N, C-alpha and C. Protein backbone atom coordinates (compact mmCIF):
# COMPACT_ATOMS: atom_id res chain seq x y z
N MET A 1 -57.73 193.98 -116.74
CA MET A 1 -58.81 194.45 -116.43
C MET A 1 -59.80 193.63 -115.49
N ASP A 2 -60.17 194.30 -114.75
CA ASP A 2 -61.08 193.74 -113.72
C ASP A 2 -62.41 193.32 -114.27
N TYR A 3 -63.09 192.09 -113.74
CA TYR A 3 -64.27 191.35 -114.25
C TYR A 3 -65.20 192.42 -114.71
N LEU A 4 -65.68 193.16 -113.66
CA LEU A 4 -67.13 193.96 -113.65
C LEU A 4 -66.73 194.96 -114.55
N VAL A 5 -65.49 195.58 -114.41
CA VAL A 5 -65.34 196.78 -115.69
C VAL A 5 -65.57 195.97 -117.22
N MET A 6 -65.10 194.73 -117.52
CA MET A 6 -65.17 194.00 -118.78
C MET A 6 -66.49 193.74 -119.18
N ARG A 7 -67.16 193.17 -117.99
CA ARG A 7 -68.31 192.81 -118.34
C ARG A 7 -69.38 194.10 -118.44
N ALA A 8 -69.12 194.89 -118.00
CA ALA A 8 -69.94 196.47 -118.17
C ALA A 8 -69.52 196.78 -119.50
N PHE A 9 -68.26 196.73 -119.90
CA PHE A 9 -68.06 197.18 -121.58
C PHE A 9 -68.74 196.14 -122.12
N LEU A 10 -68.71 194.92 -122.27
CA LEU A 10 -69.27 193.76 -122.99
C LEU A 10 -70.78 194.07 -123.25
N GLU A 11 -71.60 194.58 -121.89
CA GLU A 11 -72.80 194.71 -122.29
C GLU A 11 -73.25 195.63 -122.67
N ALA A 12 -72.49 196.93 -122.46
CA ALA A 12 -72.84 198.39 -123.44
C ALA A 12 -72.50 198.11 -124.97
N VAL A 13 -71.49 197.31 -125.16
CA VAL A 13 -71.45 197.11 -126.48
C VAL A 13 -72.31 196.05 -127.07
N LYS A 14 -72.94 195.21 -126.47
CA LYS A 14 -74.04 194.50 -126.93
C LYS A 14 -75.24 195.30 -127.16
N ALA A 15 -75.33 196.19 -125.99
CA ALA A 15 -77.07 196.96 -126.18
C ALA A 15 -76.56 198.02 -126.96
N GLY A 16 -75.82 198.76 -127.43
CA GLY A 16 -75.40 199.49 -128.47
C GLY A 16 -75.33 200.73 -127.32
N THR A 17 -74.95 200.77 -126.24
CA THR A 17 -75.01 202.22 -125.33
C THR A 17 -73.51 202.57 -125.24
N ASP A 18 -73.81 203.70 -124.65
CA ASP A 18 -72.02 204.44 -123.86
C ASP A 18 -71.82 203.26 -122.93
N THR A 19 -70.28 203.20 -122.95
CA THR A 19 -69.82 202.52 -122.04
C THR A 19 -69.36 203.38 -120.81
N PRO A 20 -69.73 202.42 -119.44
CA PRO A 20 -69.86 203.36 -118.01
C PRO A 20 -68.22 203.83 -117.76
N ILE A 21 -67.39 203.32 -118.51
CA ILE A 21 -66.06 204.05 -118.32
C ILE A 21 -65.71 204.56 -119.76
N ASP A 22 -65.40 206.02 -120.10
CA ASP A 22 -65.38 206.65 -121.41
C ASP A 22 -63.66 206.40 -121.48
N VAL A 23 -63.51 206.51 -123.24
CA VAL A 23 -62.17 206.76 -123.28
C VAL A 23 -61.20 207.53 -122.90
N TYR A 24 -61.42 208.70 -122.51
CA TYR A 24 -60.55 209.55 -121.66
C TYR A 24 -60.43 208.82 -120.53
N ASP A 25 -61.17 208.39 -119.72
CA ASP A 25 -60.63 207.67 -118.35
C ASP A 25 -59.91 206.83 -118.45
N THR A 26 -59.95 205.91 -119.72
CA THR A 26 -59.24 204.61 -120.00
C THR A 26 -58.02 205.01 -120.48
N ALA A 27 -57.97 206.18 -121.14
CA ALA A 27 -56.62 206.42 -121.35
C ALA A 27 -55.63 207.15 -120.35
N ALA A 28 -56.37 207.76 -119.20
CA ALA A 28 -55.68 208.26 -118.00
C ALA A 28 -55.26 207.07 -116.96
N TRP A 29 -56.26 206.50 -117.06
CA TRP A 29 -56.06 205.07 -116.04
C TRP A 29 -54.61 204.16 -116.64
N MET A 30 -54.47 204.11 -118.07
CA MET A 30 -53.52 203.17 -118.74
C MET A 30 -52.11 203.99 -118.50
N ALA A 31 -52.21 205.57 -118.42
CA ALA A 31 -51.28 206.45 -118.40
C ALA A 31 -50.27 206.36 -117.08
N VAL A 32 -51.17 205.91 -116.23
CA VAL A 32 -50.55 206.00 -114.53
C VAL A 32 -48.88 204.97 -114.71
N THR A 33 -49.17 203.88 -115.18
CA THR A 33 -48.11 202.79 -115.13
C THR A 33 -47.20 203.31 -116.03
N CYS A 34 -47.30 203.90 -117.09
CA CYS A 34 -46.06 204.51 -117.98
C CYS A 34 -45.33 205.54 -117.16
N LEU A 35 -46.00 206.62 -116.66
CA LEU A 35 -45.54 207.82 -116.22
C LEU A 35 -44.87 207.30 -114.78
N SER A 36 -45.29 206.50 -114.16
CA SER A 36 -44.77 205.86 -112.68
C SER A 36 -43.37 205.34 -112.95
N GLU A 37 -43.59 204.35 -114.55
CA GLU A 37 -42.03 204.14 -114.57
C GLU A 37 -41.20 205.02 -114.99
N ALA A 38 -41.64 206.13 -115.64
CA ALA A 38 -41.01 207.46 -115.88
C ALA A 38 -40.24 208.27 -115.02
N SER A 39 -41.44 208.38 -113.69
CA SER A 39 -40.84 208.90 -112.83
C SER A 39 -39.67 208.11 -111.99
N VAL A 40 -39.75 206.90 -111.94
CA VAL A 40 -38.88 205.99 -111.04
C VAL A 40 -37.69 206.12 -111.84
N ALA A 41 -37.49 205.87 -113.17
CA ALA A 41 -36.60 206.10 -113.90
C ALA A 41 -35.38 207.28 -113.65
N THR A 42 -36.48 208.47 -113.43
CA THR A 42 -35.81 209.83 -113.03
C THR A 42 -35.43 210.03 -111.60
N GLY A 43 -35.15 208.90 -110.98
CA GLY A 43 -35.47 209.09 -109.25
C GLY A 43 -36.56 209.68 -108.76
N GLY A 44 -37.65 209.19 -109.20
CA GLY A 44 -38.96 209.96 -108.33
C GLY A 44 -39.22 211.23 -108.35
N MET A 45 -38.81 211.86 -109.67
CA MET A 45 -39.24 213.36 -110.24
C MET A 45 -40.37 213.34 -110.63
N PRO A 46 -41.32 214.34 -110.77
CA PRO A 46 -42.42 214.36 -110.79
C PRO A 46 -42.44 214.38 -112.61
N VAL A 47 -43.71 213.95 -113.28
CA VAL A 47 -43.61 213.83 -114.38
C VAL A 47 -45.30 214.16 -114.86
N CYS A 48 -45.04 215.37 -115.65
CA CYS A 48 -46.33 215.81 -116.12
C CYS A 48 -47.21 214.75 -116.66
N PHE A 49 -48.68 215.03 -116.33
CA PHE A 49 -49.70 213.77 -116.53
C PHE A 49 -50.37 214.91 -117.93
N PRO A 50 -50.67 213.88 -118.71
CA PRO A 50 -51.41 214.46 -119.91
C PRO A 50 -52.79 214.67 -119.79
N ASP A 51 -53.18 215.92 -120.50
CA ASP A 51 -54.79 215.91 -120.44
C ASP A 51 -55.48 215.50 -121.51
N PHE A 52 -55.53 214.21 -121.60
CA PHE A 52 -56.26 213.63 -122.86
C PHE A 52 -57.77 214.41 -123.47
N THR A 53 -58.11 215.05 -122.51
CA THR A 53 -59.61 215.73 -123.02
C THR A 53 -59.30 217.28 -123.36
N ASN A 54 -58.16 217.94 -123.27
CA ASN A 54 -57.80 219.26 -123.81
C ASN A 54 -58.81 220.13 -122.86
N GLY A 55 -58.88 220.02 -121.62
CA GLY A 55 -60.17 220.89 -120.84
C GLY A 55 -61.34 220.57 -120.96
N LYS A 56 -61.57 219.14 -121.56
CA LYS A 56 -63.19 219.15 -121.40
C LYS A 56 -63.89 218.26 -120.29
N TRP A 57 -62.80 217.79 -119.41
CA TRP A 57 -62.91 216.94 -118.25
C TRP A 57 -63.72 217.90 -117.14
N LEU A 58 -63.48 219.13 -117.40
CA LEU A 58 -63.91 220.09 -116.26
C LEU A 58 -65.80 220.35 -116.68
N ILE A 59 -66.21 220.16 -117.73
CA ILE A 59 -67.70 219.94 -117.99
C ILE A 59 -67.73 218.69 -118.73
N ARG A 60 -67.96 217.77 -118.04
CA ARG A 60 -68.53 216.18 -118.40
C ARG A 60 -70.09 216.20 -118.79
N LYS A 61 -70.14 215.14 -119.64
CA LYS A 61 -71.54 214.39 -119.55
C LYS A 61 -72.10 214.07 -118.23
N PRO A 62 -73.19 213.88 -117.85
CA PRO A 62 -73.68 212.63 -116.89
C PRO A 62 -73.36 211.36 -117.22
N PRO A 63 -73.04 210.73 -116.23
CA PRO A 63 -72.53 209.61 -116.26
C PRO A 63 -73.53 208.44 -116.86
N VAL A 64 -73.20 207.45 -117.35
CA VAL A 64 -73.73 206.37 -117.92
C VAL A 64 -74.21 205.62 -116.64
N GLU A 65 -75.93 205.53 -116.99
CA GLU A 65 -76.37 204.77 -115.54
C GLU A 65 -76.65 203.51 -116.27
N SER A 66 -76.21 202.58 -115.18
CA SER A 66 -76.09 201.26 -115.29
C SER A 66 -75.87 200.68 -114.08
N GLU A 67 -75.84 199.30 -113.93
CA GLU A 67 -75.71 198.48 -112.69
C GLU A 67 -74.46 198.79 -112.23
N TYR A 68 -73.56 198.94 -113.17
CA TYR A 68 -72.01 198.90 -112.82
C TYR A 68 -71.41 200.30 -112.21
N SER A 69 -72.21 201.57 -112.75
CA SER A 69 -71.94 202.68 -112.31
C SER A 69 -71.47 202.97 -111.16
N LEU A 70 -71.00 203.76 -110.49
CA LEU A 70 -70.71 204.44 -109.04
C LEU A 70 -71.92 204.90 -108.77
N GLU A 71 -72.69 205.60 -109.35
CA GLU A 71 -73.64 206.42 -108.89
C GLU A 71 -74.94 205.51 -108.80
N TYR A 72 -74.96 204.13 -109.15
CA TYR A 72 -75.85 203.42 -108.94
C TYR A 72 -75.89 202.57 -107.43
N ILE A 73 -76.88 203.06 -106.98
CA ILE A 73 -77.51 202.53 -105.46
C ILE A 73 -78.58 201.74 -105.42
N PRO A 74 -78.42 200.03 -105.15
CA PRO A 74 -79.43 199.69 -105.56
C PRO A 74 -80.53 199.73 -104.44
N ASN A 75 -81.70 199.49 -104.21
CA ASN A 75 -82.44 199.77 -103.28
C ASN A 75 -82.90 198.24 -102.69
N ILE A 76 -82.16 198.14 -101.44
CA ILE A 76 -82.10 196.60 -101.23
C ILE A 76 -82.52 196.70 -99.83
N GLN A 77 -83.66 196.00 -99.49
CA GLN A 77 -84.49 195.99 -98.21
C GLN A 77 -84.20 194.60 -97.33
N ILE A 78 -83.83 195.04 -96.20
CA ILE A 78 -83.06 193.82 -95.67
C ILE A 78 -84.20 193.51 -94.39
N PRO A 79 -85.00 192.62 -94.63
CA PRO A 79 -86.16 192.15 -93.51
C PRO A 79 -85.26 192.26 -91.92
N GLU A 80 -86.26 193.02 -91.38
CA GLU A 80 -85.48 193.27 -89.59
C GLU A 80 -85.56 191.85 -89.14
N ASP A 81 -86.22 190.83 -89.57
CA ASP A 81 -86.19 189.72 -88.38
C ASP A 81 -84.95 188.61 -88.61
N GLU A 82 -84.30 189.12 -89.87
CA GLU A 82 -83.01 188.50 -90.07
C GLU A 82 -81.86 188.86 -89.05
N PRO A 83 -81.35 187.90 -88.65
CA PRO A 83 -80.19 187.87 -87.47
C PRO A 83 -78.68 189.01 -88.17
N HIS A 84 -78.45 188.52 -89.42
CA HIS A 84 -77.71 189.16 -89.89
C HIS A 84 -77.99 191.05 -90.20
N ALA A 85 -78.98 190.82 -90.01
CA ALA A 85 -79.59 192.34 -90.54
C ALA A 85 -79.50 193.71 -89.13
N ARG A 86 -79.16 192.97 -87.88
CA ARG A 86 -78.70 193.68 -86.82
C ARG A 86 -77.42 193.95 -86.41
N VAL A 87 -76.88 195.23 -85.95
CA VAL A 87 -75.94 195.60 -85.73
C VAL A 87 -75.46 195.79 -84.37
């Protein structure tokens, strides 16, 4: 598990808030390895990917707002007089 994912999870648990990555996304990500192995074992044949949400993925809750979410874009101002700010 990536450091930022683990840190986001631990901070959410400490704060008593929802985690940025829900259990359904976690299950889907973890299934990729097993399903890939099953596909390789059958000569590269397609393997059905389980829907852990029973179709609820079509209508999801808004994402958790945190500094770790993909929707978070910090408002960083770079002073014009800094040399690395020029492109």
